């Protein structure tokens, strides 16, 4: 019965709902409408939870120091919250009872494990104008230059802390290095203050992720991902958040030397997992002088190559750090390709757009038929 329901929902979404959405709404408008629906279901999550328990049965695995109920997680970037100009504005919204993080309750109820964020120390409005595109080059891809729009760590922590009784049983928190900060001491201070905001609010995720790799801000992510900086930050964050494990998210298309250095720094400072990878910086459709992060099919090859290189180096050095794949997990075949490299868990995002809200269940079912 479960398989039949999945097949019906897959057909209905791919033949009816998705063509209608793509024809009537831009990628950005559809995303904004989805967030409004999430905010509504934050107040009424029970039907979503029942659906998830039926269609996505437990498949527990231990990855990065976390007992995951399923090996498919929603990546950071969807449940992250509203942008604000100032911390005062964000805190006022929390005090007024506004839902500043749409999806905080409904999305985990439907999908299971979700990584919230990214959150920076200070609020960010993100980039202006159109910041989201789909079907890039005729392939199942998304591109964004949202620019780390978020309410800031303190307001996000205050909001989640106020709703602690209804937080999902398992979620992660993604903390990003503040764009535009070039001083390593200030970077460390802001990252530590951001993580401390959640801990002080008694918001205890199953894991923290340190995002070194956002491609759509004023910083150059590839140039910032040095072994020295990773070691500097991770050596400070790991003991601060302990016993909560720390994961680190990196970019695709890094050099072999960078990958080896990042892996070494993370393994030696106690990081439990590397997420490979974030989106791939490419010129945007509206302005080829502006970069945006590519995900979906057009990221898959680069992400797979990064995971392959990391897995080989991990084996050579006998590191115990886990690798979590992220990039182009749109179907069971992509998921299986990562599993062939020894990956036990993956993150996805674009699949929500191209496969629908039951993407994880569909991908898990397809992968089980390959294995």
Protein backbone atom coordinates (compact mmCIF):
# COMPACT_ATOMS: atom_id res chain seq x y z
CA UNK A 1 0.00 0.00 0.00
CA UNK A 2 2.79 2.43 0.91
CA UNK A 3 4.51 1.85 -2.43
CA UNK A 4 1.23 2.39 -4.30
CA UNK A 5 0.59 5.66 -2.47
CA UNK A 6 4.09 6.88 -3.28
CA UNK A 7 3.60 6.03 -6.95
CA UNK A 8 0.29 7.90 -7.07
CA UNK A 9 1.72 10.99 -5.37
CA UNK A 10 4.79 10.90 -7.62
CA UNK A 11 2.63 10.79 -10.74
CA UNK A 12 0.29 13.49 -9.47
CA UNK A 13 3.14 15.85 -8.63
CA UNK A 14 5.30 15.29 -11.69
CA UNK A 15 2.48 15.27 -14.26
CA UNK A 16 0.03 17.75 -12.71
CA UNK A 17 1.24 19.85 -9.78
CA UNK A 18 4.80 20.60 -10.92
CA UNK A 19 3.92 21.66 -14.48
CA UNK A 20 1.19 23.91 -13.10
CA UNK A 21 3.53 25.46 -10.53
CA UNK A 22 6.29 26.01 -13.05
CA UNK A 23 3.87 27.54 -15.54
CA UNK A 24 2.11 29.92 -13.14
CA UNK A 25 4.76 30.87 -10.58
CA UNK A 26 8.39 31.92 -10.83
CA UNK A 27 10.86 30.00 -8.70
CA UNK A 28 10.97 32.83 -6.20
CA UNK A 29 7.18 33.23 -6.02
CA UNK A 30 6.73 29.48 -5.56
CA UNK A 31 9.31 29.46 -2.77
CA UNK A 32 7.58 32.32 -0.98
CA UNK A 33 4.21 30.57 -1.31
CA UNK A 34 5.72 27.37 0.08
CA UNK A 35 6.98 29.26 3.12
CA UNK A 36 3.52 30.71 3.72
CA UNK A 37 2.10 27.18 3.65
CA UNK A 38 4.80 26.06 6.06
CA UNK A 39 3.87 28.87 8.45
CA UNK A 40 0.24 27.73 8.34
CA UNK A 41 1.14 24.11 9.02
CA UNK A 42 3.45 25.16 11.86
CA UNK A 43 0.15 25.67 13.70
CA UNK A 44 -1.34 22.38 12.43
CA UNK A 45 1.53 19.86 12.04
CA UNK A 46 -0.25 16.68 13.14
CA UNK A 47 -1.42 15.44 9.70
CA UNK A 48 2.09 15.93 8.32
CA UNK A 49 3.59 13.86 11.10
CA UNK A 50 1.22 10.98 10.46
CA UNK A 51 2.04 11.07 6.75
CA UNK A 52 5.78 11.03 7.41
CA UNK A 53 5.58 8.10 9.83
CA UNK A 54 3.64 6.04 7.29
CA UNK A 55 5.52 6.88 4.10
CA UNK A 56 9.06 7.18 5.48
CA UNK A 57 9.55 4.29 7.91
CA UNK A 58 12.57 4.32 10.23
CA UNK A 59 15.92 3.40 8.74
CA UNK A 60 18.23 4.41 11.60
CA UNK A 61 21.90 5.11 11.10
CA UNK A 62 24.69 6.62 13.21
CA UNK A 63 26.45 9.43 11.33
CA UNK A 64 28.58 12.26 12.64
CA UNK A 65 27.82 11.33 16.23
CA UNK A 66 24.06 11.51 15.66
CA UNK A 67 21.50 8.71 15.65
CA UNK A 68 19.46 9.65 12.58
CA UNK A 69 16.00 8.11 12.11
CA UNK A 70 16.57 8.06 8.34
CA UNK A 71 19.66 8.65 6.21
CA UNK A 72 18.02 11.47 4.20
CA UNK A 73 18.05 14.95 5.73
CA UNK A 74 16.80 18.28 4.42
CA UNK A 75 19.81 20.54 3.92
CA UNK A 76 20.11 24.01 5.38
CA UNK A 77 18.63 26.86 3.37
CA UNK A 78 14.91 26.16 3.47
CA UNK A 79 14.05 26.50 7.16
CA UNK A 80 16.14 29.53 8.05
CA UNK A 81 13.79 32.40 8.77
CA UNK A 82 13.02 35.96 7.81
CA UNK A 83 15.71 38.55 7.18
CA UNK A 84 15.93 41.71 9.26
CA UNK A 85 17.93 44.91 9.03
CA UNK A 86 18.81 45.01 12.73
CA UNK A 87 18.87 42.71 15.72
CA UNK A 88 16.46 45.06 17.48
CA UNK A 89 13.89 44.61 14.69
CA UNK A 90 14.28 40.84 14.81
CA UNK A 91 13.90 40.70 18.59
CA UNK A 92 10.81 42.92 18.41
CA UNK A 93 9.23 40.49 15.95
CA UNK A 94 9.90 37.61 18.34
CA UNK A 95 8.42 39.59 21.24
CA UNK A 96 5.30 40.29 19.14
CA UNK A 97 4.79 36.57 18.56
CA UNK A 98 5.66 36.62 14.85
CA UNK A 99 6.72 33.37 13.22
CA UNK A 100 10.18 34.44 12.09
CA UNK A 101 11.22 30.89 11.08
CA UNK A 102 8.47 29.48 8.84
CA UNK A 103 8.64 25.70 8.69
CA UNK A 104 10.32 25.22 12.07
CA UNK A 105 7.62 22.76 13.13
CA UNK A 106 5.85 21.65 9.94
CA UNK A 107 8.87 20.74 7.82
CA UNK A 108 10.45 18.34 10.35
CA UNK A 109 6.99 16.86 10.97
CA UNK A 110 6.73 15.99 7.27
CA UNK A 111 10.35 15.27 6.37
CA UNK A 112 12.11 14.08 9.52
CA UNK A 113 15.66 15.35 10.11
CA UNK A 114 16.14 18.97 9.02
CA UNK A 115 19.10 21.33 9.29
CA UNK A 116 17.92 24.85 10.21
CA UNK A 117 19.84 27.89 8.99
CA UNK A 118 22.28 29.17 8.04
CA UNK A 119 22.39 31.64 10.93
CA UNK A 120 24.94 34.41 11.23
CA UNK A 121 25.75 36.34 14.38
CA UNK A 122 23.87 39.39 13.10
CA UNK A 123 20.66 39.52 11.04
CA UNK A 124 20.94 39.77 7.27
CA UNK A 125 18.38 40.97 4.74
CA UNK A 126 20.11 39.03 1.99
CA UNK A 127 20.47 40.17 -1.59
CA UNK A 128 17.78 42.32 -3.24
CA UNK A 129 15.77 41.50 -6.35
CA UNK A 130 15.25 38.13 -7.95
CA UNK A 131 17.42 35.60 -6.14
CA UNK A 132 16.07 32.18 -7.16
CA UNK A 133 15.94 30.39 -10.52
CA UNK A 134 15.12 26.84 -11.66
CA UNK A 135 15.63 24.54 -14.68
CA UNK A 136 19.02 26.09 -15.37
CA UNK A 137 20.25 24.91 -18.75
CA UNK A 138 17.17 22.73 -19.12
CA UNK A 139 18.24 20.47 -16.27
CA UNK A 140 16.66 19.79 -12.88
CA UNK A 141 18.65 22.45 -11.11
CA UNK A 142 18.13 25.47 -8.89
CA UNK A 143 20.29 28.54 -8.52
CA UNK A 144 20.13 31.04 -5.70
CA UNK A 145 21.84 34.17 -4.51
CA UNK A 146 19.76 34.65 -1.38
CA UNK A 147 22.85 35.87 0.44
CA UNK A 148 22.42 34.29 3.88
CA UNK A 149 19.12 36.00 4.63
CA UNK A 150 18.28 35.20 8.25
CA UNK A 151 17.05 36.79 11.50
CA UNK A 152 20.41 36.47 13.22
CA UNK A 153 21.45 33.91 15.80
CA UNK A 154 20.14 35.70 18.87
CA UNK A 155 16.64 36.29 17.50
CA UNK A 156 16.51 32.76 16.05
CA UNK A 157 17.57 31.36 19.42
CA UNK A 158 14.99 33.48 21.24
CA UNK A 159 12.26 32.29 18.87
CA UNK A 160 13.16 28.61 19.08
CA UNK A 161 13.65 28.89 22.83
CA UNK A 162 10.15 30.33 23.19
CA UNK A 163 8.79 27.30 21.31
CA UNK A 164 11.02 24.71 22.95
CA UNK A 165 8.10 22.49 23.96
CA UNK A 166 7.20 21.99 20.30
CA UNK A 167 10.65 21.72 18.74
CA UNK A 168 11.23 18.56 16.68
CA UNK A 169 12.93 15.69 18.50
CA UNK A 170 15.93 15.90 16.18
CA UNK A 171 17.26 18.83 14.14
CA UNK A 172 20.54 20.52 13.31
CA UNK A 173 21.63 24.16 13.41
CA UNK A 174 23.84 25.60 10.68
CA UNK A 175 26.06 28.53 11.71
CA UNK A 176 27.69 30.55 8.95
CA UNK A 177 30.77 32.69 9.14
CA UNK A 178 29.65 36.30 8.78
CA UNK A 179 30.26 37.62 5.25
CA UNK A 180 32.54 40.60 4.92
CA UNK A 181 34.55 39.76 8.03
CA UNK A 182 38.20 39.24 7.14
CA UNK A 183 39.78 39.30 10.59
CA UNK A 184 40.10 35.75 11.91
CA UNK A 185 39.75 36.84 15.54
CA UNK A 186 36.47 38.58 14.78
CA UNK A 187 35.29 35.61 12.73
CA UNK A 188 35.90 33.30 15.66
CA UNK A 189 34.20 35.68 18.09
CA UNK A 190 31.08 35.96 15.92
CA UNK A 191 30.82 32.20 15.36
CA UNK A 192 31.22 31.54 19.08
CA UNK A 193 28.64 34.20 19.94
CA UNK A 194 26.21 32.70 17.42
CA UNK A 195 26.49 29.18 18.81
CA UNK A 196 26.40 30.51 22.38
CA UNK A 197 23.09 32.26 21.66
CA UNK A 198 21.39 28.91 21.06
CA UNK A 199 23.07 27.18 23.99
CA UNK A 200 22.15 30.01 26.37
CA UNK A 201 18.53 29.78 25.20
CA UNK A 202 18.69 26.04 25.97
CA UNK A 203 18.06 25.24 22.31
CA UNK A 204 19.92 21.96 21.95
CA UNK A 205 20.22 20.62 18.41
CA UNK A 206 21.36 17.11 17.63
CA UNK A 207 24.30 18.67 15.77
CA UNK A 208 25.79 22.03 14.85
CA UNK A 209 27.16 22.66 11.37
CA UNK A 210 29.81 25.28 10.67
CA UNK A 211 29.21 26.58 7.17
CA UNK A 212 32.47 27.70 5.59
CA UNK A 213 31.09 27.76 2.07
CA UNK A 214 28.22 30.11 1.16
CA UNK A 215 28.78 31.06 -2.52
CA UNK A 216 26.33 33.97 -2.87
CA UNK A 217 27.71 36.62 -0.54
CA UNK A 218 30.45 39.19 -1.01
CA UNK A 219 33.08 36.67 0.09
CA UNK A 220 34.94 34.16 -2.07
CA UNK A 221 34.14 30.81 -0.43
CA UNK A 222 36.88 28.82 -2.14
CA UNK A 223 39.55 31.33 -1.13
CA UNK A 224 38.35 31.32 2.48
CA UNK A 225 38.45 27.56 3.00
CA UNK A 226 42.01 27.15 4.19
CA UNK A 227 43.29 24.52 6.56
CA UNK A 228 44.49 27.23 8.94
CA UNK A 229 41.12 29.00 9.15
CA UNK A 230 39.20 25.75 9.51
CA UNK A 231 41.53 24.65 12.30
CA UNK A 232 41.27 28.07 14.00
CA UNK A 233 37.47 28.01 14.02
CA UNK A 234 36.85 24.33 14.69
CA UNK A 235 39.33 24.19 17.57
CA UNK A 236 37.24 26.88 19.27
CA UNK A 237 33.75 25.62 18.40
CA UNK A 238 34.15 21.89 19.11
CA UNK A 239 34.74 22.28 22.87
CA UNK A 240 32.16 25.06 23.12
CA UNK A 241 29.28 22.95 21.79
CA UNK A 242 30.37 19.60 23.29
CA UNK A 243 28.87 17.08 23.76
CA UNK A 244 26.85 18.18 20.71
CA UNK A 245 28.84 17.11 17.62
CA UNK A 246 30.12 19.64 15.11
CA UNK A 247 29.85 19.12 11.36
CA UNK A 248 31.51 21.34 8.73
CA UNK A 249 30.11 22.20 5.30
CA UNK A 250 32.49 22.84 2.41
CA UNK A 251 32.37 23.91 -1.23
CA UNK A 252 32.68 21.83 -4.40
CA UNK A 253 35.55 22.26 -6.86
CA UNK A 254 38.23 22.81 -4.23
CA UNK A 255 41.76 21.74 -5.04
CA UNK A 256 43.08 18.42 -3.78
CA UNK A 257 45.41 20.29 -1.43
CA UNK A 258 42.49 22.25 0.02
CA UNK A 259 40.38 19.14 0.50
CA UNK A 260 43.21 17.27 2.19
CA UNK A 261 43.94 20.24 4.44
CA UNK A 262 40.30 20.74 5.41
CA UNK A 263 39.86 17.04 6.11
CA UNK A 264 43.02 17.00 8.24
CA UNK A 265 42.01 20.12 10.19
CA UNK A 266 38.53 18.79 10.88
CA UNK A 267 39.69 15.31 11.84
CA UNK A 268 42.36 16.63 14.19
CA UNK A 269 40.09 19.14 15.97
CA UNK A 270 37.28 16.68 16.69
CA UNK A 271 34.79 17.56 13.97
CA UNK A 272 32.50 14.56 13.51
CA UNK A 273 31.39 14.98 9.88
CA UNK A 274 32.09 16.90 6.68
CA UNK A 275 29.11 17.86 4.50
CA UNK A 276 30.19 17.77 0.87
CA UNK A 277 29.07 20.00 -0.63
CA UNK A 278 27.43 23.39 -0.63
CA UNK A 279 26.21 24.87 -3.92
CA UNK A 280 28.45 25.61 -6.90
CA UNK A 281 29.11 29.26 -7.74
CA UNK A 282 28.03 30.05 -11.32
CA UNK A 283 26.92 33.19 -13.21
CA UNK A 284 23.20 33.86 -12.72
CA UNK A 285 20.71 33.82 -15.62
CA UNK A 286 19.85 37.50 -15.15
CA UNK A 287 23.40 38.85 -14.94
CA UNK A 288 26.48 36.83 -15.83
CA UNK A 289 28.65 39.20 -13.79
CA UNK A 290 26.87 38.04 -10.61
CA UNK A 291 27.44 34.63 -9.04
CA UNK A 292 24.79 32.39 -7.51
CA UNK A 293 24.89 28.94 -5.97
CA UNK A 294 23.91 26.06 -8.28
CA UNK A 295 22.24 22.96 -6.88
CA UNK A 296 20.48 19.92 -8.28
CA UNK A 297 21.68 18.04 -11.36
CA UNK A 298 24.25 20.68 -12.30
CA UNK A 299 25.93 20.28 -8.91
CA UNK A 300 25.86 16.49 -8.77
CA UNK A 301 29.07 15.79 -10.72
CA UNK A 302 31.17 18.25 -8.74
CA UNK A 303 29.74 17.11 -5.40
CA UNK A 304 30.27 13.44 -6.26
CA UNK A 305 33.88 14.13 -7.25
CA UNK A 306 34.45 15.95 -3.95
CA UNK A 307 32.99 13.08 -1.94
CA UNK A 308 35.11 10.59 -3.88
CA UNK A 309 38.29 12.57 -3.19
CA UNK A 310 37.47 12.99 0.50
CA UNK A 311 36.62 9.30 0.91
CA UNK A 312 39.90 8.25 -0.68
CA UNK A 313 41.96 10.59 1.52
CA UNK A 314 40.04 9.55 4.62
CA UNK A 315 40.91 5.92 3.91
CA UNK A 316 44.57 6.74 3.24
CA UNK A 317 44.90 8.61 6.53
CA UNK A 318 42.62 6.27 8.54
CA UNK A 319 40.49 9.19 9.73
CA UNK A 320 37.24 8.35 11.50
CA UNK A 321 35.37 11.52 10.48
CA UNK A 322 32.17 10.81 8.54
CA UNK A 323 31.28 12.24 5.12
CA UNK A 324 27.73 13.38 4.45
CA UNK A 325 26.90 13.87 0.78
CA UNK A 326 24.92 16.87 -0.42
CA UNK A 327 24.42 17.80 -4.06
CA UNK A 328 22.05 16.56 -6.72
CA UNK A 329 20.29 13.92 -4.61
CA UNK A 330 17.20 13.97 -6.82
CA UNK A 331 16.51 10.26 -7.15
CA UNK A 332 17.51 6.83 -5.98
CA UNK A 333 20.29 6.57 -8.57
CA UNK A 334 22.08 9.67 -7.25
CA UNK A 335 21.67 8.49 -3.67
CA UNK A 336 23.02 5.06 -4.64
CA UNK A 337 26.05 6.65 -6.32
CA UNK A 338 26.99 8.33 -3.05
CA UNK A 339 26.39 5.15 -1.06
CA UNK A 340 28.81 3.32 -3.35
CA UNK A 341 31.50 5.67 -2.00
CA UNK A 342 30.75 4.65 1.58
CA UNK A 343 28.41 7.53 2.43
CA UNK A 344 25.77 6.56 4.98
CA UNK A 345 23.66 9.74 4.99
CA UNK A 346 22.84 12.49 2.51
CA UNK A 347 21.23 15.91 2.46
CA UNK A 348 18.89 17.19 -0.25
CA UNK A 349 17.06 20.41 -1.18
CA UNK A 350 16.33 20.70 -4.91
CA UNK A 351 14.47 17.39 -4.77
CA UNK A 352 11.66 19.17 -2.91
CA UNK A 353 11.07 21.28 -6.02
CA UNK A 354 11.45 18.55 -8.64
CA UNK A 355 10.04 15.53 -6.79
CA UNK A 356 7.61 17.21 -4.39
CA UNK A 357 7.19 17.24 -0.61
CA UNK A 358 7.52 13.45 -0.39
CA UNK A 359 10.90 13.49 -2.15
CA UNK A 360 12.77 11.70 0.64
CA UNK A 361 10.32 8.79 0.68
CA UNK A 362 10.50 8.49 -3.12
CA UNK A 363 14.31 8.59 -3.14
CA UNK A 364 14.55 6.00 -0.36
CA UNK A 365 12.13 3.70 -2.19
CA UNK A 366 14.02 4.03 -5.49
CA UNK A 367 17.37 3.38 -3.81
CA UNK A 368 16.04 0.26 -2.11
CA UNK A 369 15.13 -1.14 -5.51
CA UNK A 370 18.68 -0.58 -6.79
CA UNK A 371 20.50 -2.13 -3.83
